[in-house]
Amino acid sequence: MLSTGLPQGAVPKLERPGPLRDRVYEALLELITTRALQPGQHLVESELAGHLGVSRQPVREALQRLNTEGWVDLRPAQGAFVHEPTDEEADQLLTVRTLLEAEAARLAAANAGSAGIAVLEELCAQGESAVAADDVDAAVALNARLHATVMELAGNAVLAELAGQVDRRVRWYYTPIARRRGQQSWIEHRELIAAIADRDEQRATELMRQHTEHTRTSYHARRRS
C-alpha cells in the first residue's frame, strides 16, 4: 500500500479519450467523497498519477481545482492534503440540506405518481438489504439515490440544481456515520415514502426535516463517541 492509502488496483486506470484533467478531477473527487482518501491525508502527485495511470500534470491541475472548491488544502512547502471539514462547515451545509430536502419532500407528496413511489420503495428495499449485509458503501450510494429521487419527484428544476450542488458534500459527511445511522435511517425513509404516497405534504415535510436533522446530530455526535 502506498502512502496515499489506496490499495494497489483499487482505482481503475482512466481512459484517454475526453478532457483528461476533468476525468482526473472527477476520479479524485469521488475518492475524497467516499473517504477512500481520508480528511487530512497527504496527497502525493506522483503516487496519485501512478494510481490513475496519467502524468503528474493533470493531477496537479485537478488538485488546484479541488483546492479552489474547498476539497483540498494546498499548504506552502508541504503539499496537498484532503480538507478536514470543521463542525461549523458541516453544520452550515447540513442545515441548508434540511431546507432544500424538506421542500422537496412536500413537492414530491404533491406531485409523485405511482411509478415514482415504486422507485422509492425499491431503493428503500435495496438500502435495507445493504444495511443488513453491512455494506456501507452501497448504503451510502443508495441513500444518495433515494434522496435524489425525492428531489426528481418534486419537479422543481431550480431546487434540484441547488440540491445537486451540495449532494457530494452531503455524501462526504454521511459516509462516516452511515453505520451509526444504520437501519433507523431506512425506517425513516419508509415513513417518508408512506407520507409521499398518501399525498400528505405536511407530514412528508416534517418527516424529511426530522430525518435530515438526525443525520446532522449524528455527525456531530461521532466525535464524542
Protein backbone atom coordinates (compact mmCIF):
# COMPACT_ATOMS: atom_id res chain seq x y z
CA MET A 1 0.00 0.00 0.00
CA LEU A 2 1.33 3.43 -0.92
CA SER A 3 1.36 6.46 1.36
CA THR A 4 -1.84 7.72 -0.26
CA GLY A 5 -3.60 4.84 1.49
CA LEU A 6 -5.10 3.36 -1.67
CA PRO A 7 -4.64 -0.38 -2.24
CA GLN A 8 -2.94 -1.38 -5.45
CA GLY A 9 -5.57 -1.94 -8.14
CA ALA A 10 -8.33 -0.15 -6.21
CA VAL A 11 -8.52 2.72 -8.68
CA PRO A 12 -9.19 1.97 -12.35
CA LYS A 13 -6.91 3.49 -14.95
CA LEU A 14 -8.56 6.40 -16.72
CA GLU A 15 -9.49 6.14 -20.36
CA ARG A 16 -7.56 8.59 -22.50
CA PRO A 17 -10.39 9.99 -24.68
CA GLY A 18 -12.02 13.18 -23.44
CA PRO A 19 -10.66 16.05 -21.31
CA LEU A 20 -8.19 14.18 -19.11
CA ARG A 21 -7.91 16.83 -16.42
CA ASP A 22 -11.68 16.69 -15.91
CA ARG A 23 -11.62 12.91 -15.64
CA VAL A 24 -8.79 13.06 -13.12
CA TYR A 25 -10.71 15.70 -11.17
CA GLU A 26 -13.84 13.51 -11.08
CA ALA A 27 -11.84 10.44 -10.03
CA LEU A 28 -10.11 12.28 -7.18
CA LEU A 29 -13.35 13.92 -6.06
CA GLU A 30 -15.07 10.54 -5.90
CA LEU A 31 -12.19 9.11 -3.85
CA ILE A 32 -12.46 12.05 -1.44
CA THR A 33 -16.26 11.89 -1.26
CA THR A 34 -16.27 8.19 -0.43
CA ARG A 35 -13.37 8.74 2.00
CA ALA A 36 -11.07 6.34 0.22
CA LEU A 37 -8.87 9.41 0.63
CA GLN A 38 -9.39 10.49 4.23
CA PRO A 39 -9.64 14.06 5.58
CA GLY A 40 -6.15 15.28 6.45
CA GLN A 41 -4.46 12.73 4.20
CA HIS A 42 -1.36 13.84 2.28
CA LEU A 43 -1.87 13.71 -1.49
CA VAL A 44 1.33 12.95 -3.37
CA GLU A 45 1.09 13.90 -7.05
CA SER A 46 3.38 11.16 -8.33
CA GLU A 47 1.57 8.42 -6.41
CA LEU A 48 -1.88 9.61 -7.47
CA ALA A 49 -0.67 9.81 -11.06
CA GLY A 50 0.56 6.24 -10.82
CA HIS A 51 -2.76 5.01 -9.43
CA LEU A 52 -4.70 6.74 -12.19
CA GLY A 53 -2.28 5.91 -15.00
CA VAL A 54 -1.67 9.52 -16.01
CA SER A 55 1.13 12.07 -15.86
CA ARG A 56 1.51 14.45 -12.93
CA GLN A 57 0.25 17.48 -14.86
CA PRO A 58 -3.49 16.63 -14.91
CA VAL A 59 -3.22 15.56 -11.26
CA ARG A 60 -1.67 18.93 -10.39
CA GLU A 61 -4.44 20.74 -12.29
CA ALA A 62 -7.12 18.67 -10.57
CA LEU A 63 -5.65 19.38 -7.14
CA GLN A 64 -5.67 23.11 -7.91
CA ARG A 65 -9.35 22.92 -8.82
CA LEU A 66 -10.17 20.84 -5.75
CA ASN A 67 -8.37 23.41 -3.63
CA THR A 68 -10.47 26.20 -5.14
CA GLU A 69 -13.64 24.27 -4.34
CA GLY A 70 -12.60 23.51 -0.76
CA TRP A 71 -11.98 19.77 -1.06
CA VAL A 72 -8.19 20.00 -0.84
CA ASP A 73 -5.83 22.27 1.10
CA LEU A 74 -2.59 23.32 -0.62
CA ARG A 75 -0.02 24.16 2.06
CA PRO A 76 3.17 26.04 1.17
CA ALA A 77 6.27 23.83 1.34
CA GLN A 78 4.13 20.87 2.48
CA GLY A 79 1.94 19.93 -0.46
CA ALA A 80 -1.69 18.94 -0.88
CA PHE A 81 -3.93 17.48 1.83
CA VAL A 82 -7.56 16.39 1.84
CA HIS A 83 -9.51 19.13 3.58
CA GLU A 84 -10.65 18.41 7.12
CA PRO A 85 -14.16 19.89 7.47
CA THR A 86 -14.89 21.81 10.62
CA ASP A 87 -18.06 21.19 12.62
CA GLU A 88 -19.23 24.67 11.61
CA GLU A 89 -18.82 23.85 7.90
CA ALA A 90 -20.75 20.61 8.31
CA ASP A 91 -23.46 22.32 10.33
CA GLN A 92 -23.98 25.05 7.75
CA LEU A 93 -24.18 22.62 4.85
CA LEU A 94 -26.47 20.13 6.59
CA THR A 95 -28.77 22.98 7.67
CA VAL A 96 -29.11 24.10 4.05
CA ARG A 97 -29.71 20.49 3.05
CA THR A 98 -32.61 20.29 5.52
CA LEU A 99 -34.27 23.34 3.99
CA LEU A 100 -33.91 22.04 0.42
CA GLU A 101 -34.98 18.48 1.12
CA ALA A 102 -37.93 19.36 3.33
CA GLU A 103 -39.36 21.41 0.47
CA ALA A 104 -38.58 18.60 -1.98
CA ALA A 105 -40.49 16.15 0.20
CA ARG A 106 -43.50 18.47 0.26
CA LEU A 107 -43.49 18.85 -3.52
CA ALA A 108 -42.97 15.12 -4.03
CA ALA A 109 -46.04 14.43 -1.90
CA ALA A 110 -47.99 16.83 -4.09
CA ASN A 111 -46.70 15.57 -7.43
CA ALA A 112 -45.43 11.98 -7.26
CA GLY A 113 -47.23 9.26 -9.18
CA SER A 114 -47.33 5.53 -8.53
CA ALA A 115 -44.28 4.85 -10.71
CA GLY A 116 -42.14 7.28 -8.76
CA ILE A 117 -43.29 5.88 -5.44
CA ALA A 118 -42.45 2.38 -6.67
CA VAL A 119 -38.90 3.55 -7.44
CA LEU A 120 -38.57 4.93 -3.91
CA GLU A 121 -39.81 1.68 -2.41
CA GLU A 122 -37.35 -0.37 -4.45
CA LEU A 123 -34.43 1.87 -3.45
CA CYS A 124 -35.51 1.58 0.17
CA ALA A 125 -35.60 -2.22 -0.06
CA GLN A 126 -32.11 -2.24 -1.57
CA GLY A 127 -30.88 0.09 1.16
CA GLU A 128 -32.29 -2.15 3.88
CA SER A 129 -30.52 -5.11 2.30
CA ALA A 130 -27.24 -3.17 2.17
CA VAL A 131 -27.51 -2.34 5.87
CA ALA A 132 -28.29 -5.97 6.71
CA ALA A 133 -25.18 -7.01 4.76
CA ASP A 134 -23.10 -4.26 6.47
CA ASP A 135 -22.26 -2.87 3.03
CA VAL A 136 -21.63 0.75 3.99
CA ASP A 137 -20.58 1.90 0.52
CA ALA A 138 -23.78 0.54 -1.02
CA ALA A 139 -25.91 2.01 1.77
CA VAL A 140 -24.37 5.45 1.25
CA ALA A 141 -24.88 5.28 -2.52
CA LEU A 142 -28.48 4.10 -2.18
CA ASN A 143 -29.20 6.79 0.41
CA ALA A 144 -27.99 9.40 -2.08
CA ARG A 145 -30.08 7.87 -4.88
CA LEU A 146 -33.22 7.81 -2.75
CA HIS A 147 -32.85 11.46 -1.78
CA ALA A 148 -32.10 12.38 -5.40
CA THR A 149 -35.25 10.56 -6.48
CA VAL A 150 -37.36 12.52 -4.00
CA MET A 151 -35.82 15.65 -5.48
CA GLU A 152 -36.71 14.50 -9.02
CA LEU A 153 -40.28 13.73 -7.99
CA ALA A 154 -40.58 17.25 -6.58
CA GLY A 155 -40.45 18.53 -10.17
CA ASN A 156 -38.67 21.79 -9.39
CA ALA A 157 -35.58 22.22 -11.58
CA VAL A 158 -34.13 25.11 -9.59
CA LEU A 159 -34.49 23.20 -6.33
CA ALA A 160 -32.84 20.15 -7.92
CA GLU A 161 -29.93 22.25 -9.18
CA LEU A 162 -29.32 23.72 -5.74
CA ALA A 163 -29.52 20.28 -4.14
CA GLY A 164 -27.08 18.92 -6.70
CA GLN A 165 -24.52 21.50 -5.62
CA VAL A 166 -24.47 20.13 -2.07
CA ASP A 167 -25.06 16.44 -2.84
CA ARG A 168 -21.42 15.36 -2.85
CA ARG A 169 -20.62 17.16 0.36
CA VAL A 170 -23.66 15.56 1.99
CA ARG A 171 -22.30 12.14 0.95
CA TRP A 172 -18.90 13.15 2.35
CA TYR A 173 -20.43 13.94 5.74
CA TYR A 174 -22.81 10.97 5.70
CA THR A 175 -20.23 8.26 4.96
CA PRO A 176 -18.58 8.20 8.44
CA ILE A 177 -21.95 7.94 10.20
CA ALA A 178 -23.73 5.57 7.81
CA ARG A 179 -23.11 2.56 10.04
CA ARG A 180 -24.21 4.52 13.13
CA ARG A 181 -27.45 5.57 11.44
CA GLY A 182 -27.92 2.03 10.13
CA GLN A 183 -31.41 0.57 9.99
CA GLN A 184 -33.01 3.57 11.68
CA SER A 185 -32.26 5.73 8.65
CA TRP A 186 -34.17 3.33 6.41
CA ILE A 187 -37.08 3.11 8.85
CA GLU A 188 -37.32 6.88 8.50
CA HIS A 189 -37.17 6.51 4.71
CA ARG A 190 -40.09 4.07 4.85
CA GLU A 191 -42.16 6.54 6.86
CA LEU A 192 -41.30 9.32 4.42
CA ILE A 193 -42.29 7.22 1.39
CA ALA A 194 -45.62 6.39 3.06
CA ALA A 195 -46.33 10.09 3.59
CA ILE A 196 -45.48 10.86 -0.03
CA ALA A 197 -47.71 8.00 -1.21
CA ASP A 198 -50.55 9.36 0.96
CA ARG A 199 -50.01 12.83 -0.55
CA ASP A 200 -49.63 14.20 2.96
CA GLU A 201 -47.49 17.27 2.24
CA GLN A 202 -47.27 18.45 5.84
CA ARG A 203 -46.22 15.07 7.20
CA ALA A 204 -43.72 14.49 4.39
CA THR A 205 -42.15 17.87 5.11
CA GLU A 206 -41.85 17.21 8.82
CA LEU A 207 -40.53 13.67 8.39
CA MET A 208 -37.82 14.84 6.00
CA ARG A 209 -36.90 17.67 8.34
CA GLN A 210 -36.56 15.23 11.24
CA HIS A 211 -34.64 12.74 9.09
CA THR A 212 -32.03 15.25 7.93
CA GLU A 213 -31.76 16.66 11.45
CA HIS A 214 -30.96 13.16 12.77
CA THR A 215 -28.11 12.98 10.25
CA ARG A 216 -26.79 16.34 11.40
CA THR A 217 -26.87 15.44 15.09
CA SER A 218 -25.30 12.03 14.38
CA TYR A 219 -22.45 13.70 12.51
CA HIS A 220 -21.67 15.95 15.47
CA ALA A 221 -22.08 13.08 17.96
CA ARG A 222 -19.47 10.95 16.20
CA ARG A 223 -16.65 12.98 17.79
CA ARG A 224 -17.98 12.30 21.28
CA SER A 225 -18.31 8.53 20.89
